[in-house]
N, C-alpha and C. Protein backbone atom coordinates (compact mmCIF):
# COMPACT_ATOMS: atom_id res chain seq x y z
N MET A 1 179.68 72.26 -45.18
CA MET A 1 179.63 72.06 -44.36
C MET A 1 181.56 72.41 -44.28
N SER A 2 181.93 73.00 -42.86
CA SER A 2 183.03 73.69 -42.89
C SER A 2 184.25 73.26 -42.50
N GLU A 3 185.17 73.06 -42.84
CA GLU A 3 186.43 72.38 -42.85
C GLU A 3 186.63 71.93 -41.23
N PRO A 4 187.49 70.65 -41.25
CA PRO A 4 187.54 70.63 -39.58
C PRO A 4 188.84 71.59 -39.18
N LEU A 5 188.51 72.07 -37.89
CA LEU A 5 189.57 72.86 -37.10
C LEU A 5 190.62 71.95 -36.89
N PRO A 6 192.10 72.58 -37.53
CA PRO A 6 193.16 71.21 -36.78
C PRO A 6 193.57 71.97 -35.16
N SER A 7 193.19 72.46 -34.45
CA SER A 7 193.40 73.52 -32.87
C SER A 7 192.45 72.48 -32.26
N ARG A 8 190.95 71.98 -33.27
CA ARG A 8 190.30 71.36 -32.46
C ARG A 8 190.54 70.13 -32.34
N ALA A 9 190.91 69.52 -33.56
CA ALA A 9 191.21 68.35 -33.56
C ALA A 9 192.66 67.90 -32.50
N LYS A 10 193.20 68.68 -32.46
CA LYS A 10 194.17 68.55 -30.92
C LYS A 10 194.11 68.18 -29.84
N GLU A 11 192.86 69.74 -29.90
CA GLU A 11 191.89 69.46 -28.31
C GLU A 11 190.89 68.28 -27.81
N LEU A 12 190.62 67.73 -28.89
CA LEU A 12 189.54 66.50 -29.13
C LEU A 12 190.66 64.97 -28.73
N GLN A 13 191.89 65.01 -29.08
CA GLN A 13 192.34 64.40 -28.99
C GLN A 13 192.97 64.27 -27.97
N ALA A 14 193.42 65.46 -27.01
CA ALA A 14 193.82 65.43 -25.42
C ALA A 14 192.59 65.31 -24.46
N THR A 15 191.41 65.55 -24.58
CA THR A 15 190.60 65.25 -24.21
C THR A 15 190.35 63.53 -23.66
N SER A 16 189.66 63.11 -22.40
CA SER A 16 189.87 62.06 -21.88
C SER A 16 188.30 61.33 -22.47
N ARG A 17 188.76 60.38 -22.46
CA ARG A 17 187.66 59.14 -23.09
C ARG A 17 186.73 59.31 -22.29
N SER A 18 186.65 59.61 -21.04
CA SER A 18 184.89 59.62 -20.58
C SER A 18 184.62 60.52 -20.75
N ASN A 19 184.94 62.08 -20.75
CA ASN A 19 185.12 63.44 -21.08
C ASN A 19 184.14 63.60 -22.55
N LEU A 20 184.90 62.75 -23.30
CA LEU A 20 184.31 62.67 -24.79
C LEU A 20 183.43 61.79 -24.94
N LYS A 21 183.16 60.45 -24.20
CA LYS A 21 182.10 60.47 -23.94
C LYS A 21 180.29 60.64 -23.49
N VAL A 22 180.75 61.62 -22.54
CA VAL A 22 179.87 62.32 -21.36
C VAL A 22 179.10 63.88 -23.40
N ALA A 23 180.33 64.21 -23.67
CA ALA A 23 180.13 65.04 -24.41
C ALA A 23 179.23 64.71 -26.05
N VAL A 24 179.62 63.73 -26.28
CA VAL A 24 179.10 62.92 -27.81
C VAL A 24 177.87 62.62 -27.02
N GLY A 25 177.63 61.94 -25.93
CA GLY A 25 175.64 61.31 -25.17
C GLY A 25 175.39 62.75 -25.16
N LEU A 26 175.71 63.68 -24.78
CA LEU A 26 174.45 64.79 -24.94
C LEU A 26 174.15 65.26 -25.95
N LEU A 27 175.20 65.43 -27.19
CA LEU A 27 175.07 65.84 -28.30
C LEU A 27 174.16 65.26 -29.28
N THR A 28 174.43 63.59 -28.78
CA THR A 28 173.65 62.70 -29.56
C THR A 28 172.09 62.27 -28.77
N VAL A 29 172.05 62.78 -27.47
CA VAL A 29 170.68 62.17 -26.65
C VAL A 29 170.71 60.69 -26.46
N HIS A 30 171.81 59.87 -26.83
CA HIS A 30 172.10 58.72 -26.13
C HIS A 30 172.81 58.30 -24.65
N THR A 31 172.14 58.97 -23.69
CA THR A 31 172.49 58.75 -22.29
C THR A 31 171.54 57.96 -21.47
N THR A 32 172.48 58.22 -20.39
CA THR A 32 171.37 57.77 -18.87
C THR A 32 170.58 58.76 -18.52
N LEU A 33 170.31 59.71 -19.00
CA LEU A 33 169.56 60.92 -18.67
C LEU A 33 168.04 60.18 -18.62
N SER A 34 167.38 60.69 -17.58
CA SER A 34 166.11 60.07 -17.34
C SER A 34 165.11 59.63 -18.38
N THR A 35 165.01 61.33 -19.16
CA THR A 35 164.51 60.64 -20.30
C THR A 35 164.59 60.29 -21.27
N HIS A 36 165.90 59.65 -21.65
CA HIS A 36 166.17 58.91 -22.57
C HIS A 36 165.61 57.18 -21.82
N MET A 37 165.81 57.01 -20.61
CA MET A 37 165.63 56.36 -20.48
C MET A 37 164.40 55.40 -20.39
N PHE A 38 163.53 56.57 -19.87
CA PHE A 38 162.11 56.53 -20.29
C PHE A 38 161.27 56.19 -21.48
N LYS A 39 162.04 56.74 -22.59
CA LYS A 39 161.74 56.29 -23.77
C LYS A 39 162.46 55.28 -24.36
N LEU A 40 163.05 54.35 -23.35
CA LEU A 40 163.57 52.82 -23.66
C LEU A 40 162.96 51.87 -23.29
N GLY A 41 161.65 52.55 -22.12
CA GLY A 41 161.05 51.64 -21.04
C GLY A 41 162.05 51.14 -20.05
N LEU A 42 162.91 51.62 -19.66
CA LEU A 42 163.92 51.62 -18.41
C LEU A 42 163.85 51.97 -17.20
N THR A 43 162.99 53.39 -16.80
CA THR A 43 162.69 53.60 -15.98
C THR A 43 161.09 54.59 -16.15
N GLU A 44 160.41 54.72 -15.19
CA GLU A 44 158.77 55.01 -14.87
C GLU A 44 159.65 56.70 -14.75
N TRP A 45 160.35 57.72 -14.65
CA TRP A 45 160.02 58.66 -14.83
C TRP A 45 160.79 59.44 -15.76
N GLN A 46 160.57 60.89 -15.87
CA GLN A 46 161.73 61.51 -17.36
C GLN A 46 161.92 62.68 -16.22
N ASP A 47 161.65 63.09 -15.10
CA ASP A 47 162.45 64.00 -14.21
C ASP A 47 163.06 64.10 -14.02
N CYS A 48 164.04 65.65 -13.90
CA CYS A 48 165.25 65.47 -12.94
C CYS A 48 165.92 65.21 -12.13
N ARG A 49 166.55 63.91 -11.96
CA ARG A 49 167.07 63.10 -10.36
C ARG A 49 167.18 64.45 -9.17
N LEU A 50 167.89 65.34 -9.85
CA LEU A 50 168.78 66.39 -9.06
C LEU A 50 167.64 67.72 -8.42
N PHE A 51 166.94 67.62 -9.64
CA PHE A 51 165.83 69.05 -9.23
C PHE A 51 164.41 68.86 -9.62
N GLY A 52 164.17 68.00 -9.97
CA GLY A 52 162.89 67.31 -9.86
C GLY A 52 161.39 67.79 -10.74
N ASP A 53 161.72 69.50 -11.41
CA ASP A 53 160.82 70.18 -11.71
C ASP A 53 160.51 70.09 -13.29
N GLU A 54 161.30 69.59 -14.04
CA GLU A 54 161.75 69.58 -15.28
C GLU A 54 162.33 67.61 -15.98
N LYS A 55 161.90 68.07 -17.32
CA LYS A 55 162.55 66.59 -17.58
C LYS A 55 164.25 66.76 -17.89
N GLU A 56 164.40 65.38 -17.34
CA GLU A 56 165.80 65.28 -17.64
C GLU A 56 166.23 64.81 -18.68
N GLU A 57 166.56 65.92 -19.45
CA GLU A 57 167.31 65.77 -21.06
C GLU A 57 168.41 66.65 -21.10
N SER A 58 169.34 66.55 -22.18
CA SER A 58 170.86 67.42 -22.50
C SER A 58 170.52 68.83 -21.94
N GLU A 59 169.50 69.36 -22.83
CA GLU A 59 169.06 70.57 -22.56
C GLU A 59 169.24 71.19 -21.22
N HIS A 60 168.50 70.89 -20.68
CA HIS A 60 167.89 70.72 -19.20
C HIS A 60 169.28 70.79 -18.37
N THR A 61 170.09 69.29 -18.26
CA THR A 61 171.18 69.41 -17.97
C THR A 61 172.20 70.35 -17.49
N VAL A 62 172.74 70.51 -19.32
CA VAL A 62 173.65 71.50 -19.44
C VAL A 62 173.18 72.59 -19.18
N SER A 63 171.87 73.70 -19.15
CA SER A 63 171.94 74.73 -19.14
C SER A 63 171.13 75.23 -18.31
N HIS A 64 169.94 74.88 -17.85
CA HIS A 64 169.10 74.87 -16.91
C HIS A 64 168.66 74.22 -15.70
N CYS A 65 169.49 73.32 -15.67
CA CYS A 65 168.99 72.61 -14.20
C CYS A 65 169.79 73.61 -12.48
N PRO A 66 169.34 74.22 -12.15
CA PRO A 66 169.69 74.63 -10.57
C PRO A 66 170.91 74.20 -10.24
N ALA A 67 170.53 72.46 -10.10
CA ALA A 67 170.98 71.99 -8.95
C ALA A 67 172.86 71.59 -9.80
N LEU A 68 172.56 71.97 -10.65
CA LEU A 68 174.29 72.11 -11.47
C LEU A 68 174.75 73.15 -12.05
N ALA A 69 174.01 74.16 -11.75
CA ALA A 69 174.46 75.67 -12.12
C ALA A 69 176.06 76.24 -11.16
N CYS A 70 177.16 75.87 -12.06
CA CYS A 70 178.15 76.19 -11.51
C CYS A 70 178.89 76.98 -12.64
N LYS A 71 180.45 77.69 -12.10
CA LYS A 71 181.10 78.15 -13.01
C LYS A 71 182.55 77.54 -13.45
N GLY A 72 182.52 76.36 -13.68
CA GLY A 72 183.03 75.64 -14.49
C GLY A 72 183.79 76.40 -15.38
N THR A 73 185.01 76.47 -16.38
CA THR A 73 185.45 76.21 -17.44
C THR A 73 185.78 75.29 -18.67
N GLU A 74 185.10 74.36 -18.05
CA GLU A 74 185.31 73.07 -19.14
C GLU A 74 183.64 72.38 -18.93
N PRO A 75 183.18 72.05 -20.02
CA PRO A 75 181.58 71.32 -19.82
C PRO A 75 182.13 70.12 -19.00
N TRP A 76 182.83 69.69 -18.23
CA TRP A 76 183.10 68.31 -17.66
C TRP A 76 183.21 68.59 -16.24
N ASP A 77 183.03 69.92 -15.98
CA ASP A 77 183.64 70.16 -14.63
C ASP A 77 182.73 70.21 -14.02
N VAL A 78 182.63 69.46 -12.69
CA VAL A 78 181.64 69.04 -11.59
C VAL A 78 181.52 70.35 -10.84
N CYS A 79 180.27 70.75 -9.97
CA CYS A 79 180.07 71.58 -8.97
C CYS A 79 180.32 70.83 -8.07
N SER A 80 181.13 71.82 -6.63
CA SER A 80 181.51 70.82 -5.70
C SER A 80 180.66 71.94 -4.66
């Protein structure tokens, strides 16, 4: 494992708690995305709530969902 980067630590410390929660949730798959909630037995479907054709999981949400495709500069930017 490489050494922590001081610049990355400062960037994370400057990030809001809610944005860090989203980032950590996506990385660990502990989110309220449909696929995770389905595995916990809390919902009856796994499909993307915005697009519908694929499972709503981290990779789909961050990289593939056409409904969320935008050119934000930060991972937590919201498309308008």
